[in-house]
Every structure is written in C-alpha cells, then in structure tokens.
C-alpha cells in the first residue's frame, strides 16, 4: 500500500468518525429540545430502537411517535453521550457510548437521572451516517432532591439545515 493510499484511508476513517460523532451530538441535541421528530431523523427509515429492555421499536415513524410520547411529560432534559468507541467497516459501523441523562418531569420537584450506554449499528446512506439499530442499556436510574431555581424554558426552533447536520 502506498503512503498516499494509507493517508487517504486514514482521512476517510477520521471523516467517518467525525460524521458519526456529529450524528450522536445531533441526537442528543434533539433530545434536549424535546423534539421527537428531529430525534428520529438520525435513524434509517427502517431503523430499530431498543431501550430499557422493552420491545423493539421499528421504523422512523414509530420511533418518532415513541419519542413524542416519551418527551410529553418532561419539562427539560440534558443527555450527554461520551467516550464513544467507533469501529468502521466500509459503509457500516458499530459504536458504543456512555450516557448520562438528567431530566426534570413536569409533575416532579426532583431531578431524575439515568446512567447507561448506547450500542449502535450504523449504515452510510445517501444522506450520511444513520442508525440502523440503537440499543440503550440502562445501568442506574434515580432521583436527586434539589433546591435549585427553575427557569422558564424557551427553546427556539433549531436553525440547522439539513437535519441532522453532518
């Protein structure tokens, strides 16, 4: 293999990894905005979501509906996906992320939190990388009593086009 071919392969891998990082960030951003439709756009049309050991949700439309219903009782949420490990194999990839989530339900005084990880299978599509299969594995769920101040939340519509970015 020539030095130029090795550099091109390395550059392609780095660009793919960056695009996958952006996809994960776009998902967490949509979750923070409580935008179930935007969160579903990171999946392929026939993508699958598995979360909290529940039944698999198949198809982008069903995933969007599940997110909209899940987000309805939530006042605010911040999800952080970090320590991503990505393995790219041509036009497919697998990845794993540690997840920390803090959320405030509309009918609760305390904060809830969840720790876990995502295990992902991704595919390169004409629109970029998308999740073909995403499993959330919870490690711990709990609550934290707080004396914090609540702020009125006004999240303007996102101005990113195309969505998801990447």
Protein backbone atom coordinates (compact mmCIF):
# COMPACT_ATOMS: atom_id res chain seq x y z
CA UNK A 1 0.00 0.00 0.00
CA UNK A 2 1.43 3.36 -0.93
CA UNK A 3 1.83 6.16 1.60
CA UNK A 4 -0.78 8.19 -0.27
CA UNK A 5 -3.34 5.34 -0.11
CA UNK A 6 -2.70 4.90 3.61
CA UNK A 7 -3.21 8.64 4.18
CA UNK A 8 -6.41 8.61 2.13
CA UNK A 9 -7.74 5.62 4.13
CA UNK A 10 -6.85 7.36 7.42
CA UNK A 11 -8.52 10.59 6.29
CA UNK A 12 -11.67 8.69 5.21
CA UNK A 13 -11.82 6.91 8.59
CA UNK A 14 -11.35 10.17 10.51
CA UNK A 15 -14.04 11.91 8.44
CA UNK A 16 -16.42 8.99 9.01
CA UNK A 17 -15.76 9.01 12.75
CA UNK A 18 -16.37 12.77 12.88
CA UNK A 19 -19.63 12.36 10.97
CA UNK A 20 -20.77 9.68 13.44
CA UNK A 21 -19.84 11.93 16.39
CA UNK A 22 -21.94 14.69 14.79
CA UNK A 23 -24.86 12.29 14.36
CA UNK A 24 -24.72 11.35 18.05
CA UNK A 25 -24.49 15.04 19.00
CA UNK A 26 -27.47 15.84 16.74
CA UNK A 27 -29.48 13.13 18.50
CA UNK A 28 -28.60 14.45 21.98
CA UNK A 29 -29.39 17.98 20.81
CA UNK A 30 -32.84 16.93 19.55
CA UNK A 31 -33.47 15.15 22.87
CA UNK A 32 -32.50 18.33 24.76
CA UNK A 33 -35.00 20.22 22.61
CA UNK A 34 -37.67 17.58 23.37
CA UNK A 35 -38.11 17.23 19.60
CA UNK A 36 -39.10 13.63 18.97
CA UNK A 37 -39.39 14.04 15.23
CA UNK A 38 -35.89 15.53 14.93
CA UNK A 39 -34.52 12.79 17.22
CA UNK A 40 -36.00 10.14 14.92
CA UNK A 41 -34.27 11.61 11.85
CA UNK A 42 -30.92 10.12 12.91
CA UNK A 43 -32.35 6.65 12.15
CA UNK A 44 -32.71 4.92 8.80
CA UNK A 45 -36.28 4.66 7.51
CA UNK A 46 -36.41 1.08 8.80
CA UNK A 47 -34.20 1.72 11.84
CA UNK A 48 -34.74 -0.03 15.16
CA UNK A 49 -34.64 1.41 18.69
CA UNK A 50 -34.40 -0.79 21.75
CA UNK A 51 -34.46 0.92 25.14
CA UNK A 52 -34.82 -0.05 28.80
CA UNK A 53 -35.15 -3.74 27.88
CA UNK A 54 -38.52 -3.00 26.27
CA UNK A 55 -39.83 -4.18 22.93
CA UNK A 56 -38.00 -3.02 19.82
CA UNK A 57 -39.49 -0.03 18.04
CA UNK A 58 -39.19 -0.44 14.26
CA UNK A 59 -39.23 2.28 11.66
CA UNK A 60 -38.50 6.00 11.82
CA UNK A 61 -42.20 6.91 12.03
CA UNK A 62 -42.79 4.60 15.03
CA UNK A 63 -39.59 5.85 16.68
CA UNK A 64 -40.77 9.46 16.26
CA UNK A 65 -44.14 8.61 17.85
CA UNK A 66 -42.40 6.87 20.76
CA UNK A 67 -40.12 9.86 21.34
CA UNK A 68 -43.01 12.35 21.20
CA UNK A 69 -44.91 10.31 23.81
CA UNK A 70 -41.80 9.87 25.98
CA UNK A 71 -40.95 13.58 25.91
CA UNK A 72 -44.51 14.78 26.65
CA UNK A 73 -44.24 14.68 30.50
CA UNK A 74 -40.70 16.11 30.53
CA UNK A 75 -40.01 19.75 31.31
CA UNK A 76 -36.30 19.65 30.49
CA UNK A 77 -33.63 17.09 29.74
CA UNK A 78 -29.92 17.04 29.09
CA UNK A 79 -28.34 13.94 27.62
CA UNK A 80 -24.61 13.53 27.24
CA UNK A 81 -23.11 10.73 25.16
CA UNK A 82 -19.37 10.43 25.69
CA UNK A 83 -16.40 8.09 25.48
CA UNK A 84 -17.52 6.87 22.07
CA UNK A 85 -15.77 3.89 20.57
CA UNK A 86 -16.37 3.55 16.84
CA UNK A 87 -15.45 0.68 14.52
CA UNK A 88 -15.97 1.41 10.81
CA UNK A 89 -16.20 -1.38 8.26
CA UNK A 90 -16.76 0.24 4.87
CA UNK A 91 -20.34 1.50 4.73
CA UNK A 92 -21.31 0.05 8.11
CA UNK A 93 -20.11 0.81 11.60
CA UNK A 94 -20.69 -0.10 15.20
CA UNK A 95 -20.26 2.21 18.14
CA UNK A 96 -20.74 2.35 21.88
CA UNK A 97 -21.25 5.43 24.07
CA UNK A 98 -21.54 6.08 27.79
CA UNK A 99 -24.71 8.05 28.59
CA UNK A 100 -25.60 10.44 31.39
CA UNK A 101 -29.09 11.89 31.39
CA UNK A 102 -30.60 14.45 33.75
CA UNK A 103 -34.26 15.26 33.40
CA UNK A 104 -37.00 17.19 35.13
CA UNK A 105 -40.54 15.92 34.76
CA UNK A 106 -43.33 18.49 34.71
CA UNK A 107 -45.04 16.94 37.72
CA UNK A 108 -41.97 16.40 39.93
CA UNK A 109 -39.90 18.62 42.17
CA UNK A 110 -36.78 16.49 41.98
CA UNK A 111 -34.40 15.78 39.12
CA UNK A 112 -34.24 12.30 37.69
CA UNK A 113 -31.09 10.84 36.28
CA UNK A 114 -30.11 7.82 34.29
CA UNK A 115 -26.76 6.22 33.58
CA UNK A 116 -26.21 3.71 30.80
CA UNK A 117 -24.78 3.13 27.37
CA UNK A 118 -25.83 3.03 23.74
CA UNK A 119 -24.73 0.18 21.49
CA UNK A 120 -25.18 1.22 17.87
CA UNK A 121 -25.11 -0.26 14.42
CA UNK A 122 -24.85 2.39 11.72
CA UNK A 123 -25.00 2.50 7.94
CA UNK A 124 -23.82 5.05 5.44
CA UNK A 125 -26.79 6.31 3.42
CA UNK A 126 -27.12 8.86 0.64
CA UNK A 127 -27.89 11.36 3.44
CA UNK A 128 -24.86 10.38 5.55
CA UNK A 129 -24.48 8.03 8.51
CA UNK A 130 -27.69 6.88 10.22
CA UNK A 131 -28.54 4.45 12.99
CA UNK A 132 -29.84 1.12 11.68
CA UNK A 133 -30.08 -0.26 15.22
CA UNK A 134 -29.66 1.54 18.53
CA UNK A 135 -29.92 -0.15 21.94
CA UNK A 136 -29.96 1.80 25.19
CA UNK A 137 -28.79 -0.27 28.13
CA UNK A 138 -29.64 1.36 31.48
CA UNK A 139 -27.25 0.88 34.38
CA UNK A 140 -28.96 3.01 37.01
CA UNK A 141 -31.98 5.28 37.38
CA UNK A 142 -32.66 7.51 40.32
CA UNK A 143 -33.60 10.95 41.55
CA UNK A 144 -31.87 13.85 43.21
CA UNK A 145 -33.63 16.21 45.60
CA UNK A 146 -32.81 19.79 44.68
CA UNK A 147 -33.27 23.29 45.97
CA UNK A 148 -32.40 24.76 42.62
CA UNK A 149 -34.24 27.53 40.87
CA UNK A 150 -36.39 26.66 37.87
CA UNK A 151 -36.21 28.91 34.83
CA UNK A 152 -38.85 29.41 32.21
CA UNK A 153 -37.72 27.40 29.25
CA UNK A 154 -38.00 28.83 25.78
CA UNK A 155 -36.21 26.73 23.22
CA UNK A 156 -36.49 28.32 19.79
CA UNK A 157 -36.76 26.05 16.76
CA UNK A 158 -33.40 24.82 15.55
CA UNK A 159 -31.94 26.55 12.53
CA UNK A 160 -29.82 23.65 11.30
CA UNK A 161 -30.33 22.56 7.73
CA UNK A 162 -30.09 19.90 6.64
CA UNK A 163 -31.16 17.99 9.74
CA UNK A 164 -29.49 16.07 11.11
CA UNK A 165 -26.32 18.01 10.43
CA UNK A 166 -23.38 16.12 9.08
